[in-house]
Amino acid sequence: MNERDTIGTADQRRTDRKAVEAPVTMHLQTNTLAGLSDNISRAGLLFFTEEPVRVTVEVREESGRVRSYSGRLIRLQRMSESSTGLAVEFDPD
């Protein structure tokens, strides 16, 4: 894992963050989601669900050790044409 400086943001995070660049694999545990649509267009659809999107993420450390964390997907954001950012909230220990 390569540590790097974080870019400052004006947010209200509950815990301190450390920038780390490491290979990650995400396994989706949630197969389907049900909800209600908010809007629709020719380009896409926005809908809301009260169901959690359960995931397991595996993070490979520099030593080669793989750590596994379970949690829920709390944000998915298109960053560019070729990049998507995903935020996972880990389950409490």
C-alpha atoms as a PDB file:
ATOM      1  CA  MET A   1       0.000   0.000   0.000  1.00  0.00           C
ATOM      2  CA  ASN A   2       1.352   3.395  -0.880  1.00  0.00           C
ATOM      3  CA  GLU A   3       0.488   6.188   1.551  1.00  0.00           C
ATOM      4  CA  ARG A   4       0.002   9.656   0.109  1.00  0.00           C
ATOM      5  CA  ASP A   5      -1.030  13.091   1.302  1.00  0.00           C
ATOM      6  CA  THR A   6      -4.749  13.712   1.414  1.00  0.00           C
ATOM      7  CA  ILE A   7      -6.339  16.603  -0.397  1.00  0.00           C
ATOM      8  CA  GLY A   8      -8.075  18.819   2.136  1.00  0.00           C
ATOM      9  CA  THR A   9     -11.842  18.870   2.095  1.00  0.00           C
ATOM     10  CA  ALA A  10     -14.353  20.767   4.166  1.00  0.00           C
ATOM     11  CA  ASP A  11     -16.407  17.851   5.431  1.00  0.00           C
ATOM     12  CA  GLN A  12     -17.651  16.448   8.719  1.00  0.00           C
ATOM     13  CA  ARG A  13     -15.972  13.039   8.880  1.00  0.00           C
ATOM     14  CA  ARG A  14     -16.454  10.989  12.042  1.00  0.00           C
ATOM     15  CA  THR A  15     -12.963   9.493  12.008  1.00  0.00           C
ATOM     16  CA  ASP A  16      -9.551  10.530  10.712  1.00  0.00           C
ATOM     17  CA  ARG A  17      -8.619   9.386   7.215  1.00  0.00           C
ATOM     18  CA  LYS A  18      -5.257   8.309   5.813  1.00  0.00           C
ATOM     19  CA  ALA A  19      -4.697   8.327   2.067  1.00  0.00           C
ATOM     20  CA  VAL A  20      -3.616   4.840   0.965  1.00  0.00           C
ATOM     21  CA  GLU A  21      -3.290   3.508  -2.559  1.00  0.00           C
ATOM     22  CA  ALA A  22      -3.749  -0.280  -2.574  1.00  0.00           C
ATOM     23  CA  PRO A  23      -5.461  -2.891  -4.753  1.00  0.00           C
ATOM     24  CA  VAL A  24      -9.091  -3.426  -3.680  1.00  0.00           C
ATOM     25  CA  THR A  25     -11.646  -6.060  -4.684  1.00  0.00           C
ATOM     26  CA  MET A  26     -15.336  -5.561  -3.861  1.00  0.00           C
ATOM     27  CA  HIS A  27     -17.876  -8.384  -3.635  1.00  0.00           C
ATOM     28  CA  LEU A  28     -21.541  -7.358  -3.785  1.00  0.00           C
ATOM     29  CA  GLN A  29     -23.726  -9.300  -1.363  1.00  0.00           C
ATOM     30  CA  THR A  30     -26.936  -7.521  -2.400  1.00  0.00           C
ATOM     31  CA  ASN A  31     -28.380  -9.090  -5.543  1.00  0.00           C
ATOM     32  CA  THR A  32     -31.463  -6.929  -6.059  1.00  0.00           C
ATOM     33  CA  LEU A  33     -32.778  -3.586  -4.852  1.00  0.00           C
ATOM     34  CA  ALA A  34     -36.355  -2.365  -4.793  1.00  0.00           C
ATOM     35  CA  GLY A  35     -37.445   1.231  -4.413  1.00  0.00           C
ATOM     36  CA  LEU A  36     -39.374   4.129  -5.898  1.00  0.00           C
ATOM     37  CA  SER A  37     -38.341   6.189  -8.879  1.00  0.00           C
ATOM     38  CA  ASP A  38     -37.798   9.912  -8.517  1.00  0.00           C
ATOM     39  CA  ASN A  39     -37.343  10.838 -12.167  1.00  0.00           C
ATOM     40  CA  ILE A  40     -36.615   9.322 -15.553  1.00  0.00           C
ATOM     41  CA  SER A  41     -35.277  10.591 -18.866  1.00  0.00           C
ATOM     42  CA  ARG A  42     -33.900   9.128 -22.070  1.00  0.00           C
ATOM     43  CA  ALA A  43     -30.454   9.215 -20.429  1.00  0.00           C
ATOM     44  CA  GLY A  44     -31.301   7.418 -17.181  1.00  0.00           C
ATOM     45  CA  LEU A  45     -33.297   6.952 -14.008  1.00  0.00           C
ATOM     46  CA  LEU A  46     -32.992   8.106 -10.397  1.00  0.00           C
ATOM     47  CA  PHE A  47     -34.586   5.943  -7.720  1.00  0.00           C
ATOM     48  CA  PHE A  48     -34.380   5.589  -3.956  1.00  0.00           C
ATOM     49  CA  THR A  49     -34.252   2.456  -1.851  1.00  0.00           C
ATOM     50  CA  GLU A  50     -34.270   1.832   1.863  1.00  0.00           C
ATOM     51  CA  GLU A  51     -32.392  -1.434   1.400  1.00  0.00           C
ATOM     52  CA  PRO A  52     -28.665  -1.446   2.237  1.00  0.00           C
ATOM     53  CA  VAL A  53     -26.226  -2.435  -0.493  1.00  0.00           C
ATOM     54  CA  ARG A  54     -24.152  -4.999   1.457  1.00  0.00           C
ATOM     55  CA  VAL A  55     -20.545  -5.532   0.328  1.00  0.00           C
ATOM     56  CA  THR A  56     -17.284  -7.156   1.333  1.00  0.00           C
ATOM     57  CA  VAL A  57     -14.054  -5.439   0.329  1.00  0.00           C
ATOM     58  CA  GLU A  58     -10.612  -7.009   0.249  1.00  0.00           C
ATOM     59  CA  VAL A  59      -7.593  -4.709   0.547  1.00  0.00           C
ATOM     60  CA  ARG A  60      -4.141  -6.044  -0.407  1.00  0.00           C
ATOM     61  CA  GLU A  61      -1.350  -4.617   1.754  1.00  0.00           C
ATOM     62  CA  GLU A  62       2.248  -4.111   0.560  1.00  0.00           C
ATOM     63  CA  SER A  63       3.216  -7.256   2.488  1.00  0.00           C
ATOM     64  CA  GLY A  64       0.800  -9.241   0.305  1.00  0.00           C
ATOM     65  CA  ARG A  65      -1.606  -9.804   3.190  1.00  0.00           C
ATOM     66  CA  VAL A  66      -5.265  -9.358   2.240  1.00  0.00           C
ATOM     67  CA  ARG A  67      -7.587  -7.769   4.789  1.00  0.00           C
ATOM     68  CA  SER A  68     -11.318  -8.296   4.436  1.00  0.00           C
ATOM     69  CA  TYR A  69     -13.961  -5.807   5.625  1.00  0.00           C
ATOM     70  CA  SER A  70     -17.754  -6.075   5.499  1.00  0.00           C
ATOM     71  CA  GLY A  71     -20.023  -3.073   5.273  1.00  0.00           C
ATOM     72  CA  ARG A  72     -22.425  -1.211   3.041  1.00  0.00           C
ATOM     73  CA  LEU A  73     -21.989   0.880  -0.055  1.00  0.00           C
ATOM     74  CA  ILE A  74     -22.981   4.425   0.883  1.00  0.00           C
ATOM     75  CA  ARG A  75     -21.971   6.392  -2.215  1.00  0.00           C
ATOM     76  CA  LEU A  76     -21.190   5.724  -5.851  1.00  0.00           C
ATOM     77  CA  GLN A  77     -20.128   8.707  -7.924  1.00  0.00           C
ATOM     78  CA  ARG A  78     -18.969   9.017 -11.511  1.00  0.00           C
ATOM     79  CA  MET A  79     -15.694  10.938 -11.355  1.00  0.00           C
ATOM     80  CA  SER A  80     -14.943  11.022 -15.100  1.00  0.00           C
ATOM     81  CA  GLU A  81     -15.775   9.087 -18.264  1.00  0.00           C
ATOM     82  CA  SER A  82     -13.442   6.293 -17.151  1.00  0.00           C
ATOM     83  CA  SER A  83     -13.509   6.492 -13.331  1.00  0.00           C
ATOM     84  CA  THR A  84     -16.089   5.821 -10.615  1.00  0.00           C
ATOM     85  CA  GLY A  85     -15.613   6.517  -6.903  1.00  0.00           C
ATOM     86  CA  LEU A  86     -17.236   4.206  -4.341  1.00  0.00           C
ATOM     87  CA  ALA A  87     -17.519   4.820  -0.594  1.00  0.00           C
ATOM     88  CA  VAL A  88     -18.038   1.955   1.856  1.00  0.00           C
ATOM     89  CA  GLU A  89     -19.037   2.292   5.493  1.00  0.00           C
ATOM     90  CA  PHE A  90     -17.515  -0.595   7.444  1.00  0.00           C
ATOM     91  CA  ASP A  91     -19.554  -2.586   9.942  1.00  0.00           C
ATOM     92  CA  PRO A  92     -18.639  -1.855  13.583  1.00  0.00           C
ATOM     93  CA  ASP A  93     -16.096  -4.264  15.019  1.00  0.00           C
END
